[in-house]
Amino acid sequence: MSLKVSESSTYEPLEPGEYLGVCYKIVDMGERIETYQNESNKRKSLFITWELPNKLGTDGRPYSISKKYTASLNEAANLYKDITNWRGKPFTAEEKKGFDVSKLIGAPANLHIGMNKNGDKNVVSAIFRPEEFKITETINPAQIFDLDVYLDFVKGEVNDETRKAAEVFDGLVSWMQQDIQTSFEYLAVEEQLAKEPKATTNSGLSDLVKEDKEDDIEIPF
């Protein structure tokens, strides 16, 4: 049995306004059928999470807030719009062919935080480039969950990279784990393993990923 940790379920709402955020977690949720405005399409999604270093909760930890995106750099996509505003420049044609979202880790942002339609949960309504735009070391451990790497672990490929992905998965909140396990990619691997069983290795608890960054390094995106 593996020991799993998760984020606190206690929710402390923020007053709507502008806050400094620093990106510390990116999670690849995989592909699934999602319905938007009565249209159902296959979409790959990801979550980007920021900590708010200047806003601490009653537990002494910085507040954090996430936003879900369709993993697309189409100019109409929210991810394209938000990253463009975040870094203060449009994507080049070359970047549109493939942008490494892991470059966002440690990047500061001015977050406009409001409430959802029900008025019971905070949402990120807009993102802008802050005046001081340099990589920042995060208070929370930096986490990048790459689903493809994790699936290699599920298939039995155990090395430093896949083991680290499994450890990050173990630290995700339960609903994220469940959603990932219902993605098309995960289900395809399960089907493959059912036909050709392979030994897998269970992950245990270890330190999460944390990238060391120097304060004077410019944002690489």
Protein backbone atom coordinates (compact mmCIF):
# COMPACT_ATOMS: atom_id res chain seq x y z
CA MET A 1 0.00 0.00 0.00
CA SER A 2 1.40 3.41 -0.91
CA LEU A 3 1.04 6.48 1.27
CA LYS A 4 -0.63 9.30 -0.61
CA VAL A 5 -0.75 12.97 0.29
CA SER A 6 -3.17 15.55 -0.99
CA GLU A 7 -4.01 19.22 -0.75
CA SER A 8 -6.20 20.40 2.11
CA SER A 9 -9.93 20.24 1.36
CA THR A 10 -10.54 23.41 3.41
CA TYR A 11 -11.44 26.25 1.06
CA GLU A 12 -10.77 29.82 2.07
CA PRO A 13 -12.17 32.25 -0.52
CA LEU A 14 -10.22 35.33 -1.56
CA GLU A 15 -11.57 38.82 -1.89
CA PRO A 16 -11.87 39.58 -5.63
CA GLY A 17 -8.99 41.72 -6.87
CA GLU A 18 -5.50 41.65 -8.34
CA TYR A 19 -2.83 39.41 -6.83
CA LEU A 20 0.74 38.48 -7.62
CA GLY A 21 0.92 34.81 -8.52
CA VAL A 22 3.82 32.48 -9.29
CA CYS A 23 3.26 29.34 -11.36
CA TYR A 24 4.36 26.23 -9.46
CA LYS A 25 2.30 23.36 -10.87
CA ILE A 26 1.26 22.18 -14.33
CA VAL A 27 -0.78 18.99 -14.75
CA ASP A 28 -1.46 17.23 -18.05
CA MET A 29 -4.95 15.76 -17.66
CA GLY A 30 -5.04 13.93 -21.00
CA GLU A 31 -7.78 13.75 -23.62
CA ARG A 32 -11.49 13.15 -23.17
CA ILE A 33 -14.80 14.14 -24.71
CA GLU A 34 -15.93 17.49 -23.32
CA THR A 35 -19.09 19.45 -24.05
CA TYR A 36 -19.05 23.21 -24.47
CA GLN A 37 -22.02 25.25 -25.69
CA ASN A 38 -23.84 22.04 -26.67
CA GLU A 39 -20.89 20.85 -28.78
CA SER A 40 -19.00 17.70 -27.82
CA ASN A 41 -15.39 17.37 -28.93
CA LYS A 42 -12.26 15.46 -28.03
CA ARG A 43 -10.01 17.80 -26.06
CA LYS A 44 -6.69 17.56 -24.25
CA SER A 45 -6.69 19.66 -21.10
CA LEU A 46 -4.22 20.85 -18.52
CA PHE A 47 -4.31 22.71 -15.23
CA ILE A 48 -1.98 25.57 -14.38
CA THR A 49 -1.67 26.47 -10.70
CA TRP A 50 -0.24 29.60 -9.13
CA GLU A 51 0.69 30.30 -5.54
CA LEU A 52 0.06 33.77 -4.11
CA PRO A 53 3.23 34.53 -2.10
CA ASN A 54 1.82 37.74 -0.63
CA LYS A 55 -1.41 36.12 0.55
CA LEU A 56 -1.10 33.48 3.25
CA GLY A 57 -3.90 31.33 4.61
CA THR A 58 -4.57 30.55 8.25
CA ASP A 59 -2.26 27.53 7.94
CA GLY A 60 0.64 29.82 7.00
CA ARG A 61 0.85 28.51 3.45
CA PRO A 62 0.35 30.74 0.42
CA TYR A 63 -3.05 30.64 -1.24
CA SER A 64 -3.12 28.80 -4.53
CA ILE A 65 -5.48 28.96 -7.47
CA SER A 66 -5.77 26.92 -10.66
CA LYS A 67 -7.20 27.38 -14.11
CA LYS A 68 -8.15 24.66 -16.56
CA TYR A 69 -7.17 25.04 -20.21
CA THR A 70 -7.63 23.21 -23.46
CA ALA A 71 -4.08 22.42 -24.56
CA SER A 72 -4.19 24.44 -27.76
CA LEU A 73 -2.32 27.41 -29.20
CA ASN A 74 -5.13 28.27 -31.57
CA GLU A 75 -5.50 32.05 -31.37
CA ALA A 76 -9.08 31.63 -30.11
CA ALA A 77 -7.98 29.34 -27.25
CA ASN A 78 -7.84 30.69 -23.69
CA LEU A 79 -4.36 29.23 -23.23
CA TYR A 80 -3.04 31.23 -26.18
CA LYS A 81 -4.70 34.44 -24.99
CA ASP A 82 -3.59 34.10 -21.36
CA ILE A 83 0.05 33.22 -22.08
CA THR A 84 0.24 36.04 -24.63
CA ASN A 85 -0.96 38.53 -22.00
CA TRP A 86 1.18 36.87 -19.33
CA ARG A 87 4.46 37.29 -21.15
CA GLY A 88 3.45 40.43 -23.00
CA LYS A 89 4.16 39.25 -26.53
CA PRO A 90 2.50 37.03 -29.17
CA PHE A 91 3.69 33.59 -30.16
CA THR A 92 5.99 33.22 -33.13
CA ALA A 93 5.11 30.80 -35.91
CA GLU A 94 7.83 28.48 -34.63
CA GLU A 95 6.50 28.57 -31.06
CA LYS A 96 3.01 27.68 -32.26
CA LYS A 97 4.38 24.38 -33.59
CA GLY A 98 5.19 23.33 -30.06
CA PHE A 99 5.49 25.38 -26.89
CA ASP A 100 7.04 23.81 -23.80
CA VAL A 101 4.63 24.76 -21.01
CA SER A 102 7.16 23.67 -18.37
CA LYS A 103 8.85 27.03 -19.04
CA LEU A 104 5.97 28.62 -17.11
CA ILE A 105 7.17 27.15 -13.80
CA GLY A 106 8.46 29.96 -11.60
CA ALA A 107 7.02 32.65 -13.86
CA PRO A 108 5.29 35.51 -11.98
CA ALA A 109 1.94 36.90 -13.15
CA ASN A 110 -0.57 39.54 -12.19
CA LEU A 111 -3.76 37.56 -11.63
CA HIS A 112 -7.19 39.15 -11.68
CA ILE A 113 -9.20 36.92 -9.37
CA GLY A 114 -12.98 37.03 -9.21
CA MET A 115 -15.83 34.66 -8.35
CA ASN A 116 -17.64 32.03 -10.41
CA LYS A 117 -21.28 32.38 -11.48
CA ASN A 118 -22.48 30.79 -8.24
CA GLY A 119 -20.38 33.16 -6.17
CA ASP A 120 -18.88 30.34 -4.12
CA LYS A 121 -15.46 29.82 -5.69
CA ASN A 122 -12.58 31.97 -6.87
CA VAL A 123 -11.59 31.96 -10.55
CA VAL A 124 -8.77 33.53 -12.53
CA SER A 125 -10.54 35.99 -14.82
CA ALA A 126 -7.46 37.57 -16.44
CA ILE A 127 -3.65 37.32 -16.45
CA PHE A 128 -1.13 40.07 -17.16
CA ARG A 129 2.62 40.55 -17.25
CA PRO A 130 3.95 41.96 -13.95
CA GLU A 131 6.37 44.88 -13.87
CA GLU A 132 9.16 42.65 -12.53
CA PHE A 133 9.17 39.66 -14.85
CA LYS A 134 11.86 37.22 -13.72
CA ILE A 135 11.87 33.57 -12.75
CA THR A 136 10.99 33.25 -9.06
CA GLU A 137 11.68 30.34 -6.72
CA THR A 138 8.36 29.02 -5.48
CA ILE A 139 7.40 28.38 -1.87
CA ASN A 140 5.55 25.19 -2.79
CA PRO A 141 7.59 22.45 -4.49
CA ALA A 142 7.47 22.86 -8.27
CA GLN A 143 5.44 20.10 -9.92
CA ILE A 144 5.14 19.14 -13.57
CA PHE A 145 2.98 16.13 -14.39
CA ASP A 146 3.63 14.76 -17.88
CA LEU A 147 1.00 12.11 -18.62
CA ASP A 148 3.08 10.40 -21.32
CA VAL A 149 5.96 9.89 -18.89
CA TYR A 150 3.61 8.61 -16.19
CA LEU A 151 2.07 6.12 -18.61
CA ASP A 152 5.53 4.72 -19.32
CA PHE A 153 5.71 4.02 -15.58
CA VAL A 154 2.28 2.37 -15.64
CA LYS A 155 3.54 0.15 -18.48
CA GLY A 156 6.46 -0.95 -16.32
CA GLU A 157 9.28 1.33 -17.49
CA VAL A 158 10.97 2.32 -14.25
CA ASN A 159 13.69 4.97 -14.31
CA ASP A 160 14.32 8.28 -12.56
CA GLU A 161 12.00 10.21 -14.87
CA THR A 162 9.05 7.81 -14.74
CA ARG A 163 9.42 7.27 -11.00
CA LYS A 164 9.32 11.03 -10.46
CA ALA A 165 6.13 11.28 -12.55
CA ALA A 166 4.54 8.57 -10.40
CA GLU A 167 5.48 10.46 -7.24
CA VAL A 168 3.87 13.64 -8.57
CA PHE A 169 0.74 11.65 -9.46
CA ASP A 170 0.60 10.29 -5.90
CA GLY A 171 0.58 13.88 -4.60
CA LEU A 172 -2.33 15.07 -6.77
CA VAL A 173 -5.76 15.53 -5.25
CA SER A 174 -8.01 12.50 -5.70
CA TRP A 175 -10.36 14.03 -8.28
CA MET A 176 -7.40 14.86 -10.52
CA GLN A 177 -6.11 11.30 -10.23
CA GLN A 178 -9.56 9.95 -11.12
CA ASP A 179 -9.90 12.26 -14.14
CA ILE A 180 -6.45 11.28 -15.41
CA GLN A 181 -7.39 7.61 -15.07
CA THR A 182 -10.44 8.18 -17.30
CA SER A 183 -8.45 9.91 -20.06
CA PHE A 184 -8.27 8.21 -23.45
CA GLU A 185 -4.50 7.80 -23.07
CA TYR A 186 -4.74 6.05 -19.70
CA LEU A 187 -7.59 3.79 -20.79
CA ALA A 188 -5.63 2.80 -23.91
CA VAL A 189 -2.70 1.71 -21.77
CA GLU A 190 -5.01 -0.24 -19.46
CA GLU A 191 -6.46 -2.02 -22.50
CA GLN A 192 -2.96 -2.76 -23.78
CA LEU A 193 -1.88 -4.18 -20.42
CA ALA A 194 -5.00 -6.34 -20.24
CA LYS A 195 -4.00 -7.94 -23.55
CA GLU A 196 -0.29 -8.17 -22.77
CA PRO A 197 0.15 -8.11 -18.98
CA LYS A 198 3.41 -6.59 -17.79
CA ALA A 199 4.81 -6.20 -14.31
CA THR A 200 4.41 -2.72 -12.89
CA THR A 201 6.05 -1.08 -9.93
CA ASN A 202 4.11 0.81 -7.30
CA SER A 203 5.51 4.17 -6.36
CA GLY A 204 6.13 5.25 -2.81
CA LEU A 205 6.40 8.61 -1.12
CA SER A 206 9.41 10.79 -1.90
CA ASP A 207 10.27 14.44 -2.38
CA LEU A 208 8.41 16.18 -5.19
CA VAL A 209 10.21 17.91 -8.04
CA LYS A 210 11.75 21.24 -7.25
CA GLU A 211 13.74 23.20 -9.78
CA ASP A 212 16.44 25.55 -8.55
CA LYS A 213 16.18 28.90 -10.24
CA GLU A 214 18.35 32.01 -9.89
CA ASP A 215 16.56 35.28 -9.25
CA ASP A 216 18.45 37.08 -11.98
CA ILE A 217 17.52 34.64 -14.78
CA GLU A 218 15.15 36.15 -17.32
CA ILE A 219 11.91 34.38 -18.21
CA PRO A 220 12.83 31.86 -20.97
CA PHE A 221 9.58 32.27 -22.85
